[in-house]
Amino acid sequence: MKAILLNEHGTVLNFILSEIPEPKVCSGHVVIKVSASSLNPVDCKIRNGMLAAIGPELPGVLHGDVAGVVTDVGNGVEGLKVGDEVYGCIGGFKGMPGVLSEYVLADAKLLAKKPINLTMPQAASVPLVGITSWNALIDRANITAGQKVLVHAGAGGVGHFALQLAKAMGAETHATVSNDQKANFAKDLGVDEVIKYSELEVHEYVEKLTGGTGYDLVFDTVGGKCLDQSFLAAKEHGTVVSISARSEHDLTPVHTKSLSLHVVFMLLPILRNIGRENHGRILDKITSLVEQQKIKPLIHTQRFSFEEVGQAHQCWESGSAIGKIVLESSW
């Protein structure tokens, strides 16, 4: 079958179109005819070598998000059959081939049936950002109706999904963005307040939008300086959740405000093969919210084929993308 291989870590020029053997079904797994995938920051970081330790052996296939049709079902798989349209984040990591190929083998525990009101590319954009948002807001922060929630980078992949999930849970949602275009996208998502961080310091928008009290919950999707700003934006006894905490920080504000700080690493169940079934269950719940039209994925306007994966990576690295970058198979 056709597949896009990464020959070695480094530039996008290291992606090549190749032929590899078709996967064979095994116990607890299904084979999927791949329709679409999407790009997540971790895919770029594996490609460039920053996160090579969690990536597949090279030459190998990258990308984890997938949407497609089940073509074969292994022993012990329940709830899925040949012909089902499914989605999930299933590979592109150590010991698990990615999805930029005609067919892919997937652990059935990582999958759910695709929302009926989404196209394959739309569905492929959801798994990693959807599960990450659920882990952060529901599993860790225990979000409740009426809370005032700030999400950083509200027009980004995780950010735009988290805002909609928070709204679906009954929260008042605020988002930071970098420019007017992203502000308009955030408003279209139903965000209650949009903050252009280039125009207001943290203390200024906290005073303006919370009366100086701060936010019940702050979701940092950026890391670095943004995590420090999250500590400043949170109210006393508030909660901060980050998905990018590979850096050094002064925890004085966490102590003086008695904050709860959580770090989410969504890939851990996939990498460790512990609790993978939770990913499938979360996707089932997300499917329900999507079909109720409470959440809709935001797709970047420029589309790419699998053969154009290098261009997709360059688009993300340029910082110009709004929402998720998707790739479609033409095979």
C-alpha atoms as a PDB file:
ATOM      1  CA  MET A   1       0.000   0.000   0.000  1.00  0.00           C
ATOM      2  CA  LYS A   2       1.008   3.632  -0.394  1.00  0.00           C
ATOM      3  CA  ALA A   3       2.323   5.531   2.609  1.00  0.00           C
ATOM      4  CA  ILE A   4       4.208   8.712   3.434  1.00  0.00           C
ATOM      5  CA  LEU A   5       7.425   7.856   5.264  1.00  0.00           C
ATOM      6  CA  LEU A   6       9.715  10.108   7.250  1.00  0.00           C
ATOM      7  CA  ASN A   7      13.248   8.991   6.388  1.00  0.00           C
ATOM      8  CA  GLU A   8      15.046  10.908   9.121  1.00  0.00           C
ATOM      9  CA  HIS A   9      14.341  13.674  11.602  1.00  0.00           C
ATOM     10  CA  GLY A  10      14.738  17.207  10.355  1.00  0.00           C
ATOM     11  CA  THR A  11      13.153  19.184   7.539  1.00  0.00           C
ATOM     12  CA  VAL A  12       9.916  18.522   5.666  1.00  0.00           C
ATOM     13  CA  LEU A  13      12.036  17.391   2.709  1.00  0.00           C
ATOM     14  CA  ASN A  14      12.541  14.116   4.575  1.00  0.00           C
ATOM     15  CA  PHE A  15       8.972  12.981   3.823  1.00  0.00           C
ATOM     16  CA  ILE A  16       8.773  10.562   0.876  1.00  0.00           C
ATOM     17  CA  LEU A  17       5.997   8.620  -0.865  1.00  0.00           C
ATOM     18  CA  SER A  18       6.691   4.912  -0.545  1.00  0.00           C
ATOM     19  CA  GLU A  19       5.176   1.411  -0.631  1.00  0.00           C
ATOM     20  CA  ILE A  20       4.852  -0.618   2.585  1.00  0.00           C
ATOM     21  CA  PRO A  21       3.016  -3.858   3.458  1.00  0.00           C
ATOM     22  CA  GLU A  22      -0.686  -3.649   4.312  1.00  0.00           C
ATOM     23  CA  PRO A  23      -1.407  -4.242   8.017  1.00  0.00           C
ATOM     24  CA  LYS A  24      -2.911  -7.536   9.178  1.00  0.00           C
ATOM     25  CA  VAL A  25      -5.653  -7.512  11.766  1.00  0.00           C
ATOM     26  CA  CYS A  26      -4.907  -8.921  15.234  1.00  0.00           C
ATOM     27  CA  SER A  27      -6.756  -9.480  18.497  1.00  0.00           C
ATOM     28  CA  GLY A  28      -8.313  -6.342  19.977  1.00  0.00           C
ATOM     29  CA  HIS A  29      -7.586  -4.318  16.843  1.00  0.00           C
ATOM     30  CA  VAL A  30      -9.261  -3.249  13.623  1.00  0.00           C
ATOM     31  CA  VAL A  31      -7.940  -2.277  10.204  1.00  0.00           C
ATOM     32  CA  ILE A  32      -9.096   1.104   8.907  1.00  0.00           C
ATOM     33  CA  LYS A  33      -9.187   2.412   5.348  1.00  0.00           C
ATOM     34  CA  VAL A  34      -7.835   5.889   6.035  1.00  0.00           C
ATOM     35  CA  SER A  35      -9.841   8.847   4.731  1.00  0.00           C
ATOM     36  CA  ALA A  36      -8.263  11.782   6.558  1.00  0.00           C
ATOM     37  CA  SER A  37      -5.858  12.888   9.258  1.00  0.00           C
ATOM     38  CA  SER A  38      -4.979  16.165  10.944  1.00  0.00           C
ATOM     39  CA  LEU A  39      -1.843  17.910  12.105  1.00  0.00           C
ATOM     40  CA  ASN A  40      -0.988  18.391  15.766  1.00  0.00           C
ATOM     41  CA  PRO A  41       2.081  20.176  17.177  1.00  0.00           C
ATOM     42  CA  VAL A  42       3.429  16.855  18.439  1.00  0.00           C
ATOM     43  CA  ASP A  43       3.638  15.619  14.822  1.00  0.00           C
ATOM     44  CA  CYS A  44       5.906  18.523  13.888  1.00  0.00           C
ATOM     45  CA  LYS A  45       8.017  18.030  17.011  1.00  0.00           C
ATOM     46  CA  ILE A  46       8.490  14.335  16.251  1.00  0.00           C
ATOM     47  CA  ARG A  47       9.407  15.175  12.663  1.00  0.00           C
ATOM     48  CA  ASN A  48      12.002  17.803  13.591  1.00  0.00           C
ATOM     49  CA  GLY A  49      13.529  15.587  16.276  1.00  0.00           C
ATOM     50  CA  MET A  50      12.449  17.579  19.340  1.00  0.00           C
ATOM     51  CA  LEU A  51      10.281  14.652  20.500  1.00  0.00           C
ATOM     52  CA  ALA A  52      12.065  11.888  18.608  1.00  0.00           C
ATOM     53  CA  ALA A  53      12.048   9.703  21.732  1.00  0.00           C
ATOM     54  CA  ILE A  54       8.294   9.163  21.526  1.00  0.00           C
ATOM     55  CA  GLY A  55       8.155   8.863  17.746  1.00  0.00           C
ATOM     56  CA  PRO A  56       8.184   5.733  15.572  1.00  0.00           C
ATOM     57  CA  GLU A  57      11.365   4.051  14.418  1.00  0.00           C
ATOM     58  CA  LEU A  58      12.537   5.594  11.142  1.00  0.00           C
ATOM     59  CA  PRO A  59      11.846   5.312   8.325  1.00  0.00           C
ATOM     60  CA  GLY A  60       8.308   5.465   9.699  1.00  0.00           C
ATOM     61  CA  VAL A  61       4.799   6.833   9.283  1.00  0.00           C
ATOM     62  CA  LEU A  62       3.732   9.877  11.322  1.00  0.00           C
ATOM     63  CA  HIS A  63       0.454  11.466  12.489  1.00  0.00           C
ATOM     64  CA  GLY A  64      -1.989  10.054  15.020  1.00  0.00           C
ATOM     65  CA  ASP A  65      -5.422  11.538  14.300  1.00  0.00           C
ATOM     66  CA  VAL A  66      -7.491   9.484  11.871  1.00  0.00           C
ATOM     67  CA  ALA A  67     -10.955   9.134  10.393  1.00  0.00           C
ATOM     68  CA  GLY A  68     -11.879   6.270   8.144  1.00  0.00           C
ATOM     69  CA  VAL A  69     -13.855   3.087   7.560  1.00  0.00           C
ATOM     70  CA  VAL A  70     -13.325  -0.262   9.318  1.00  0.00           C
ATOM     71  CA  THR A  71     -12.337  -2.976   6.819  1.00  0.00           C
ATOM     72  CA  ASP A  72     -11.406  -5.843   9.172  1.00  0.00           C
ATOM     73  CA  VAL A  73     -12.117  -6.667  12.827  1.00  0.00           C
ATOM     74  CA  GLY A  74      -9.941  -8.758  15.144  1.00  0.00           C
ATOM     75  CA  ASN A  75     -10.978 -11.187  17.860  1.00  0.00           C
ATOM     76  CA  GLY A  76     -12.290  -9.647  21.056  1.00  0.00           C
ATOM     77  CA  VAL A  77     -13.432  -6.377  19.510  1.00  0.00           C
ATOM     78  CA  GLU A  78     -16.915  -5.358  20.585  1.00  0.00           C
ATOM     79  CA  GLY A  79     -19.093  -2.560  19.267  1.00  0.00           C
ATOM     80  CA  LEU A  80     -17.357  -2.170  15.900  1.00  0.00           C
ATOM     81  CA  LYS A  81     -17.962  -3.958  12.606  1.00  0.00           C
ATOM     82  CA  VAL A  82     -16.776  -3.795   9.003  1.00  0.00           C
ATOM     83  CA  GLY A  83     -18.155  -0.680   7.341  1.00  0.00           C
ATOM     84  CA  ASP A  84     -18.319   1.470  10.483  1.00  0.00           C
ATOM     85  CA  GLU A  85     -17.030   5.024  10.140  1.00  0.00           C
ATOM     86  CA  VAL A  86     -14.668   5.677  13.058  1.00  0.00           C
ATOM     87  CA  TYR A  87     -12.235   8.227  14.413  1.00  0.00           C
ATOM     88  CA  GLY A  88      -9.480   8.352  17.020  1.00  0.00           C
ATOM     89  CA  CYS A  89      -5.873   9.200  17.851  1.00  0.00           C
ATOM     90  CA  ILE A  90      -4.177   5.872  17.274  1.00  0.00           C
ATOM     91  CA  GLY A  91      -0.490   6.021  16.372  1.00  0.00           C
ATOM     92  CA  GLY A  92       2.484   7.846  14.951  1.00  0.00           C
ATOM     93  CA  PHE A  93       4.368   7.080  18.154  1.00  0.00           C
ATOM     94  CA  LYS A  94       6.949   4.598  19.404  1.00  0.00           C
ATOM     95  CA  GLY A  95       5.919   1.068  18.368  1.00  0.00           C
ATOM     96  CA  MET A  96       2.729   2.351  16.703  1.00  0.00           C
ATOM     97  CA  PRO A  97       2.758   3.308  13.005  1.00  0.00           C
ATOM     98  CA  GLY A  98       1.037   6.533  12.065  1.00  0.00           C
ATOM     99  CA  VAL A  99      -1.887   7.036   9.735  1.00  0.00           C
ATOM    100  CA  LEU A 100      -0.483   8.671   6.574  1.00  0.00           C
ATOM    101  CA  SER A 101      -1.110   5.477   4.609  1.00  0.00           C
ATOM    102  CA  GLU A 102      -3.903   3.713   2.729  1.00  0.00           C
ATOM    103  CA  TYR A 103      -4.716   1.423   5.671  1.00  0.00           C
ATOM    104  CA  VAL A 104      -3.780   1.435   9.339  1.00  0.00           C
ATOM    105  CA  LEU A 105      -4.022  -1.007  12.244  1.00  0.00           C
ATOM    106  CA  ALA A 106      -5.709   0.515  15.304  1.00  0.00           C
ATOM    107  CA  ASP A 107      -6.326  -0.559  18.877  1.00  0.00           C
ATOM    108  CA  ALA A 108     -10.135  -0.620  19.042  1.00  0.00           C
ATOM    109  CA  LYS A 109     -10.049   0.865  22.553  1.00  0.00           C
ATOM    110  CA  LEU A 110      -8.800   4.149  21.082  1.00  0.00           C
ATOM    111  CA  LEU A 111     -11.685   4.497  18.636  1.00  0.00           C
ATOM    112  CA  ALA A 112     -15.268   5.687  18.559  1.00  0.00           C
ATOM    113  CA  LYS A 113     -17.872   5.936  15.841  1.00  0.00           C
ATOM    114  CA  LYS A 114     -17.580   9.142  13.848  1.00  0.00           C
ATOM    115  CA  PRO A 115     -20.218  11.827  14.479  1.00  0.00           C
ATOM    116  CA  ILE A 116     -22.795  11.498  11.716  1.00  0.00           C
ATOM    117  CA  ASN A 117     -22.871  15.257  11.104  1.00  0.00           C
ATOM    118  CA  LEU A 118     -19.128  15.608  10.447  1.00  0.00           C
ATOM    119  CA  THR A 119     -17.207  14.936   7.253  1.00  0.00           C
ATOM    120  CA  MET A 120     -14.179  12.666   7.446  1.00  0.00           C
ATOM    121  CA  PRO A 121     -11.726  15.634   7.474  1.00  0.00           C
ATOM    122  CA  GLN A 122     -13.738  17.364  10.192  1.00  0.00           C
ATOM    123  CA  ALA A 123     -13.812  14.191  12.282  1.00  0.00           C
ATOM    124  CA  ALA A 124     -10.073  13.646  11.825  1.00  0.00           C
ATOM    125  CA  SER A 125      -9.443  17.073  13.343  1.00  0.00           C
ATOM    126  CA  VAL A 126     -11.099  16.182  16.649  1.00  0.00           C
ATOM    127  CA  PRO A 127      -9.467  13.270  18.555  1.00  0.00           C
ATOM    128  CA  LEU A 128      -6.269  14.686  20.071  1.00  0.00           C
ATOM    129  CA  VAL A 129      -7.629  18.161  20.763  1.00  0.00           C
ATOM    130  CA  GLY A 130     -10.972  16.802  21.948  1.00  0.00           C
ATOM    131  CA  ILE A 131      -9.505  14.288  24.375  1.00  0.00           C
ATOM    132  CA  THR A 132      -6.945  16.830  25.596  1.00  0.00           C
ATOM    133  CA  SER A 133      -9.681  19.379  26.299  1.00  0.00           C
ATOM    134  CA  TRP A 134     -11.786  16.758  28.093  1.00  0.00           C
ATOM    135  CA  ASN A 135      -8.804  15.639  30.200  1.00  0.00           C
ATOM    136  CA  ALA A 136      -8.059  19.247  31.144  1.00  0.00           C
ATOM    137  CA  LEU A 137     -11.488  20.725  31.801  1.00  0.00           C
ATOM    138  CA  ILE A 138     -13.503  17.748  33.004  1.00  0.00           C
ATOM    139  CA  ASP A 139     -11.138  15.054  34.285  1.00  0.00           C
ATOM    140  CA  ARG A 140      -8.684  17.392  36.018  1.00  0.00           C
ATOM    141  CA  ALA A 141     -10.359  20.775  36.588  1.00  0.00           C
ATOM    142  CA  ASN A 142     -13.852  19.431  37.323  1.00  0.00           C
ATOM    143  CA  ILE A 143     -15.408  22.346  35.476  1.00  0.00           C
ATOM    144  CA  THR A 144     -18.878  23.355  36.682  1.00  0.00           C
ATOM    145  CA  ALA A 145     -21.671  25.509  35.302  1.00  0.00           C
ATOM    146  CA  GLY A 146     -21.357  29.195  36.066  1.00  0.00           C
ATOM    147  CA  GLN A 147     -17.570  29.238  36.394  1.00  0.00           C
ATOM    148  CA  LYS A 148     -15.609  31.968  34.644  1.00  0.00           C
ATOM    149  CA  VAL A 149     -13.082  30.185  32.396  1.00  0.00           C
ATOM    150  CA  LEU A 150     -10.124  31.673  30.499  1.00  0.00           C
ATOM    151  CA  VAL A 151      -8.628  29.718  27.600  1.00  0.00           C
ATOM    152  CA  HIS A 152      -5.356  30.922  26.105  1.00  0.00           C
ATOM    153  CA  ALA A 153      -4.949  30.780  22.292  1.00  0.00           C
ATOM    154  CA  GLY A 154      -8.672  30.461  21.732  1.00  0.00           C
ATOM    155  CA  ALA A 155      -8.413  30.145  17.943  1.00  0.00           C
ATOM    156  CA  GLY A 156      -5.862  27.328  18.131  1.00  0.00           C
ATOM    157  CA  GLY A 157      -6.443  23.608  17.798  1.00  0.00           C
ATOM    158  CA  VAL A 158      -6.961  22.757  21.463  1.00  0.00           C
ATOM    159  CA  GLY A 159      -8.154  26.248  22.386  1.00  0.00           C
ATOM    160  CA  HIS A 160     -11.134  26.426  20.035  1.00  0.00           C
ATOM    161  CA  PHE A 161     -12.330  23.002  21.123  1.00  0.00           C
ATOM    162  CA  ALA A 162     -11.867  23.714  24.826  1.00  0.00           C
ATOM    163  CA  LEU A 163     -13.902  26.918  24.576  1.00  0.00           C
ATOM    164  CA  GLN A 164     -16.839  25.061  23.069  1.00  0.00           C
ATOM    165  CA  LEU A 165     -16.575  22.259  25.605  1.00  0.00           C
ATOM    166  CA  ALA A 166     -16.513  24.760  28.474  1.00  0.00           C
ATOM    167  CA  LYS A 167     -19.562  26.507  27.024  1.00  0.00           C
ATOM    168  CA  ALA A 168     -21.348  23.153  26.685  1.00  0.00           C
ATOM    169  CA  MET A 169     -20.667  22.566  30.393  1.00  0.00           C
ATOM    170  CA  GLY A 170     -22.360  25.868  31.246  1.00  0.00           C
ATOM    171  CA  ALA A 171     -19.273  28.027  31.877  1.00  0.00           C
ATOM    172  CA  GLU A 172     -18.717  31.673  30.976  1.00  0.00           C
ATOM    173  CA  THR A 173     -15.892  31.592  28.439  1.00  0.00           C
ATOM    174  CA  HIS A 174     -13.108  34.119  27.820  1.00  0.00           C
ATOM    175  CA  ALA A 175     -10.282  33.652  25.318  1.00  0.00           C
ATOM    176  CA  THR A 176      -6.971  35.275  24.455  1.00  0.00           C
ATOM    177  CA  VAL A 177      -6.055  35.705  20.779  1.00  0.00           C
ATOM    178  CA  SER A 178      -3.323  37.460  18.831  1.00  0.00           C
ATOM    179  CA  ASN A 179      -5.221  39.434  16.177  1.00  0.00           C
ATOM    180  CA  ASP A 180      -8.577  40.634  14.867  1.00  0.00           C
ATOM    181  CA  GLN A 181      -9.087  37.698  12.513  1.00  0.00           C
ATOM    182  CA  LYS A 182      -8.667  35.198  15.328  1.00  0.00           C
ATOM    183  CA  ALA A 183     -10.860  37.349  17.549  1.00  0.00           C
ATOM    184  CA  ASN A 184     -13.654  37.111  14.974  1.00  0.00           C
ATOM    185  CA  PHE A 185     -13.314  33.336  14.800  1.00  0.00           C
ATOM    186  CA  ALA A 186     -13.502  33.117  18.588  1.00  0.00           C
ATOM    187  CA  LYS A 187     -16.629  35.269  18.619  1.00  0.00           C
ATOM    188  CA  ASP A 188     -18.185  32.989  15.992  1.00  0.00           C
ATOM    189  CA  LEU A 189     -17.642  30.097  18.412  1.00  0.00           C
ATOM    190  CA  GLY A 190     -19.830  31.867  20.967  1.00  0.00           C
ATOM    191  CA  VAL A 191     -17.079  33.055  23.307  1.00  0.00           C
ATOM    192  CA  ASP A 192     -18.352  35.549  25.869  1.00  0.00           C
ATOM    193  CA  GLU A 193     -15.242  37.767  25.947  1.00  0.00           C
ATOM    194  CA  VAL A 194     -12.270  37.925  23.561  1.00  0.00           C
ATOM    195  CA  ILE A 195      -8.953  39.401  24.742  1.00  0.00           C
ATOM    196  CA  LYS A 196      -6.239  40.561  22.345  1.00  0.00           C
ATOM    197  CA  TYR A 197      -3.213  39.956  24.529  1.00  0.00           C
ATOM    198  CA  SER A 198      -1.087  42.415  22.537  1.00  0.00           C
ATOM    199  CA  GLU A 199      -3.321  45.250  23.741  1.00  0.00           C
ATOM    200  CA  LEU A 200      -3.931  44.366  27.400  1.00  0.00           C
ATOM    201  CA  GLU A 201      -1.657  43.203  30.207  1.00  0.00           C
ATOM    202  CA  VAL A 202      -2.910  40.369  32.428  1.00  0.00           C
ATOM    203  CA  HIS A 203      -3.773  42.647  35.346  1.00  0.00           C
ATOM    204  CA  GLU A 204      -5.682  44.938  32.985  1.00  0.00           C
ATOM    205  CA  TYR A 205      -8.003  42.304  31.533  1.00  0.00           C
ATOM    206  CA  VAL A 206      -8.421  40.608  34.916  1.00  0.00           C
ATOM    207  CA  GLU A 207      -9.553  43.948  36.356  1.00  0.00           C
ATOM    208  CA  LYS A 208     -11.752  44.775  33.378  1.00  0.00           C
ATOM    209  CA  LEU A 209     -13.443  41.389  32.957  1.00  0.00           C
ATOM    210  CA  THR A 210     -13.487  39.909  36.465  1.00  0.00           C
ATOM    211  CA  GLY A 211     -13.482  43.014  38.661  1.00  0.00           C
ATOM    212  CA  GLY A 212      -9.959  42.113  39.765  1.00  0.00           C
ATOM    213  CA  THR A 213     -11.031  38.797  41.284  1.00  0.00           C
ATOM    214  CA  GLY A 214      -9.539  36.521  38.612  1.00  0.00           C
ATOM    215  CA  TYR A 215     -10.745  33.408  36.843  1.00  0.00           C
ATOM    216  CA  ASP A 216     -12.096  30.242  38.431  1.00  0.00           C
ATOM    217  CA  LEU A 217     -10.266  28.194  35.803  1.00  0.00           C
ATOM    218  CA  VAL A 218      -7.436  29.072  33.421  1.00  0.00           C
ATOM    219  CA  PHE A 219      -6.452  26.682  30.627  1.00  0.00           C
ATOM    220  CA  ASP A 220      -2.923  27.261  29.287  1.00  0.00           C
ATOM    221  CA  THR A 221      -2.514  25.723  25.828  1.00  0.00           C
ATOM    222  CA  VAL A 222       0.725  27.575  25.026  1.00  0.00           C
ATOM    223  CA  GLY A 223       3.250  27.140  27.848  1.00  0.00           C
ATOM    224  CA  GLY A 224       6.281  29.250  28.700  1.00  0.00           C
ATOM    225  CA  LYS A 225       5.386  32.830  29.623  1.00  0.00           C
ATOM    226  CA  CYS A 226       1.711  32.010  29.104  1.00  0.00           C
ATOM    227  CA  LEU A 227       1.754  29.609  32.052  1.00  0.00           C
ATOM    228  CA  ASP A 228       3.157  32.345  34.291  1.00  0.00           C
ATOM    229  CA  GLN A 229       0.403  34.642  33.060  1.00  0.00           C
ATOM    230  CA  SER A 230      -2.144  31.938  33.860  1.00  0.00           C
ATOM    231  CA  PHE A 231      -1.031  31.989  37.513  1.00  0.00           C
ATOM    232  CA  LEU A 232      -1.600  35.749  37.556  1.00  0.00           C
ATOM    233  CA  ALA A 233      -5.026  35.491  35.905  1.00  0.00           C
ATOM    234  CA  ALA A 234      -6.422  32.831  38.250  1.00  0.00           C
ATOM    235  CA  LYS A 235      -8.455  33.791  41.311  1.00  0.00           C
ATOM    236  CA  GLU A 236      -7.485  32.738  44.834  1.00  0.00           C
ATOM    237  CA  HIS A 237      -8.169  29.002  45.277  1.00  0.00           C
ATOM    238  CA  GLY A 238      -8.626  28.811  41.502  1.00  0.00           C
ATOM    239  CA  THR A 239      -7.407  26.153  39.081  1.00  0.00           C
ATOM    240  CA  VAL A 240      -4.781  26.269  36.327  1.00  0.00           C
ATOM    241  CA  VAL A 241      -4.385  23.467  33.798  1.00  0.00           C
ATOM    242  CA  SER A 242      -1.509  23.356  31.307  1.00  0.00           C
ATOM    243  CA  ILE A 243      -0.677  21.098  28.383  1.00  0.00           C
ATOM    244  CA  SER A 244       2.787  22.606  27.921  1.00  0.00           C
ATOM    245  CA  ALA A 245       4.825  22.643  31.113  1.00  0.00           C
ATOM    246  CA  ARG A 246       8.303  21.622  29.919  1.00  0.00           C
ATOM    247  CA  SER A 247       9.913  24.735  31.386  1.00  0.00           C
ATOM    248  CA  GLU A 248      10.977  26.363  34.633  1.00  0.00           C
ATOM    249  CA  HIS A 249       8.538  28.591  36.528  1.00  0.00           C
ATOM    250  CA  ASP A 250       8.303  30.589  39.726  1.00  0.00           C
ATOM    251  CA  LEU A 251       5.506  28.928  41.708  1.00  0.00           C
ATOM    252  CA  THR A 252       5.192  31.788  44.180  1.00  0.00           C
ATOM    253  CA  PRO A 253       1.793  32.887  42.768  1.00  0.00           C
ATOM    254  CA  VAL A 254       0.577  29.283  42.980  1.00  0.00           C
ATOM    255  CA  HIS A 255       1.498  29.263  46.663  1.00  0.00           C
ATOM    256  CA  THR A 256       0.264  32.726  47.621  1.00  0.00           C
ATOM    257  CA  LYS A 257      -3.089  32.178  45.871  1.00  0.00           C
ATOM    258  CA  SER A 258      -3.408  28.542  46.981  1.00  0.00           C
ATOM    259  CA  LEU A 259      -3.996  27.505  43.382  1.00  0.00           C
ATOM    260  CA  SER A 260      -4.535  23.990  42.083  1.00  0.00           C
ATOM    261  CA  LEU A 261      -2.129  23.273  39.209  1.00  0.00           C
ATOM    262  CA  HIS A 262      -2.671  20.359  36.834  1.00  0.00           C
ATOM    263  CA  VAL A 263      -0.609  19.197  33.860  1.00  0.00           C
ATOM    264  CA  VAL A 264      -2.209  17.088  31.125  1.00  0.00           C
ATOM    265  CA  PHE A 265      -0.220  14.750  28.845  1.00  0.00           C
ATOM    266  CA  MET A 266      -2.944  13.258  26.671  1.00  0.00           C
ATOM    267  CA  LEU A 267      -0.608  10.790  24.938  1.00  0.00           C
ATOM    268  CA  LEU A 268       0.343   8.913  28.111  1.00  0.00           C
ATOM    269  CA  PRO A 269      -2.331   6.167  27.862  1.00  0.00           C
ATOM    270  CA  ILE A 270      -1.361   5.594  24.216  1.00  0.00           C
ATOM    271  CA  LEU A 271       2.365   5.422  24.931  1.00  0.00           C
ATOM    272  CA  ARG A 272       2.055   3.296  28.097  1.00  0.00           C
ATOM    273  CA  ASN A 273      -0.918   1.175  26.955  1.00  0.00           C
ATOM    274  CA  ILE A 274      -2.649   1.856  30.253  1.00  0.00           C
ATOM    275  CA  GLY A 275      -6.197   3.182  30.295  1.00  0.00           C
ATOM    276  CA  ARG A 276      -6.567   3.420  26.533  1.00  0.00           C
ATOM    277  CA  GLU A 277     -10.255   2.571  26.843  1.00  0.00           C
ATOM    278  CA  ASN A 278     -10.782   5.983  28.451  1.00  0.00           C
ATOM    279  CA  HIS A 279      -9.928   7.621  25.128  1.00  0.00           C
ATOM    280  CA  GLY A 280     -12.637   5.679  23.329  1.00  0.00           C
ATOM    281  CA  ARG A 281     -15.151   6.529  26.048  1.00  0.00           C
ATOM    282  CA  ILE A 282     -14.303  10.229  25.899  1.00  0.00           C
ATOM    283  CA  LEU A 283     -14.704  10.224  22.124  1.00  0.00           C
ATOM    284  CA  ASP A 284     -18.122   8.599  22.514  1.00  0.00           C
ATOM    285  CA  LYS A 285     -19.160  11.516  24.754  1.00  0.00           C
ATOM    286  CA  ILE A 286     -17.671  14.033  22.325  1.00  0.00           C
ATOM    287  CA  THR A 287     -19.597  12.381  19.484  1.00  0.00           C
ATOM    288  CA  SER A 288     -22.800  12.993  21.426  1.00  0.00           C
ATOM    289  CA  LEU A 289     -21.969  16.696  21.965  1.00  0.00           C
ATOM    290  CA  VAL A 290     -21.045  17.151  18.306  1.00  0.00           C
ATOM    291  CA  GLU A 291     -24.240  15.487  17.127  1.00  0.00           C
ATOM    292  CA  GLN A 292     -26.186  17.795  19.465  1.00  0.00           C
ATOM    293  CA  GLN A 293     -24.416  20.666  17.650  1.00  0.00           C
ATOM    294  CA  LYS A 294     -22.838  21.907  20.871  1.00  0.00           C
ATOM    295  CA  ILE A 295     -19.327  21.566  19.417  1.00  0.00           C
ATOM    296  CA  LYS A 296     -18.094  22.067  15.866  1.00  0.00           C
ATOM    297  CA  PRO A 297     -14.457  21.718  14.811  1.00  0.00           C
ATOM    298  CA  LEU A 298     -12.767  24.747  13.297  1.00  0.00           C
ATOM    299  CA  ILE A 299     -10.820  23.791  10.169  1.00  0.00           C
ATOM    300  CA  HIS A 300      -8.061  25.900   8.648  1.00  0.00           C
ATOM    301  CA  THR A 301      -9.121  27.102   5.205  1.00  0.00           C
ATOM    302  CA  GLN A 302      -6.159  25.634   3.318  1.00  0.00           C
ATOM    303  CA  ARG A 303      -6.483  21.883   2.713  1.00  0.00           C
ATOM    304  CA  PHE A 304      -3.697  19.388   2.036  1.00  0.00           C
ATOM    305  CA  SER A 305      -3.362  15.892   0.614  1.00  0.00           C
ATOM    306  CA  PHE A 306      -1.199  13.266   2.304  1.00  0.00           C
ATOM    307  CA  GLU A 307       1.439  13.900  -0.358  1.00  0.00           C
ATOM    308  CA  GLU A 308       1.476  17.556   0.756  1.00  0.00           C
ATOM    309  CA  VAL A 309       2.236  16.753   4.394  1.00  0.00           C
ATOM    310  CA  GLY A 310       5.430  18.816   4.231  1.00  0.00           C
ATOM    311  CA  GLN A 311       3.462  21.884   3.196  1.00  0.00           C
ATOM    312  CA  ALA A 312       1.002  21.234   6.032  1.00  0.00           C
ATOM    313  CA  HIS A 313       3.874  21.175   8.538  1.00  0.00           C
ATOM    314  CA  GLN A 314       5.230  24.429   7.112  1.00  0.00           C
ATOM    315  CA  CYS A 315       1.787  26.011   7.405  1.00  0.00           C
ATOM    316  CA  TRP A 316       1.588  25.158  11.107  1.00  0.00           C
ATOM    317  CA  GLU A 317       5.139  26.325  11.752  1.00  0.00           C
ATOM    318  CA  SER A 318       4.375  29.662  10.077  1.00  0.00           C
ATOM    319  CA  GLY A 319       1.803  30.412  12.785  1.00  0.00           C
ATOM    320  CA  SER A 320      -0.779  31.407  10.163  1.00  0.00           C
ATOM    321  CA  ALA A 321      -3.230  28.555  10.738  1.00  0.00           C
ATOM    322  CA  ILE A 322      -6.559  29.163  12.444  1.00  0.00           C
ATOM    323  CA  GLY A 323      -8.100  26.007  13.858  1.00  0.00           C
ATOM    324  CA  LYS A 324      -6.936  22.559  12.799  1.00  0.00           C
ATOM    325  CA  ILE A 325      -4.953  21.716   9.678  1.00  0.00           C
ATOM    326  CA  VAL A 326      -6.411  18.632   7.983  1.00  0.00           C
ATOM    327  CA  LEU A 327      -5.023  16.272   5.365  1.00  0.00           C
ATOM    328  CA  GLU A 328      -7.112  14.114   3.039  1.00  0.00           C
ATOM    329  CA  SER A 329      -6.186  10.841   1.371  1.00  0.00           C
ATOM    330  CA  SER A 330      -6.573  10.578  -2.391  1.00  0.00           C
ATOM    331  CA  TRP A 331      -5.672   6.901  -2.448  1.00  0.00           C
END
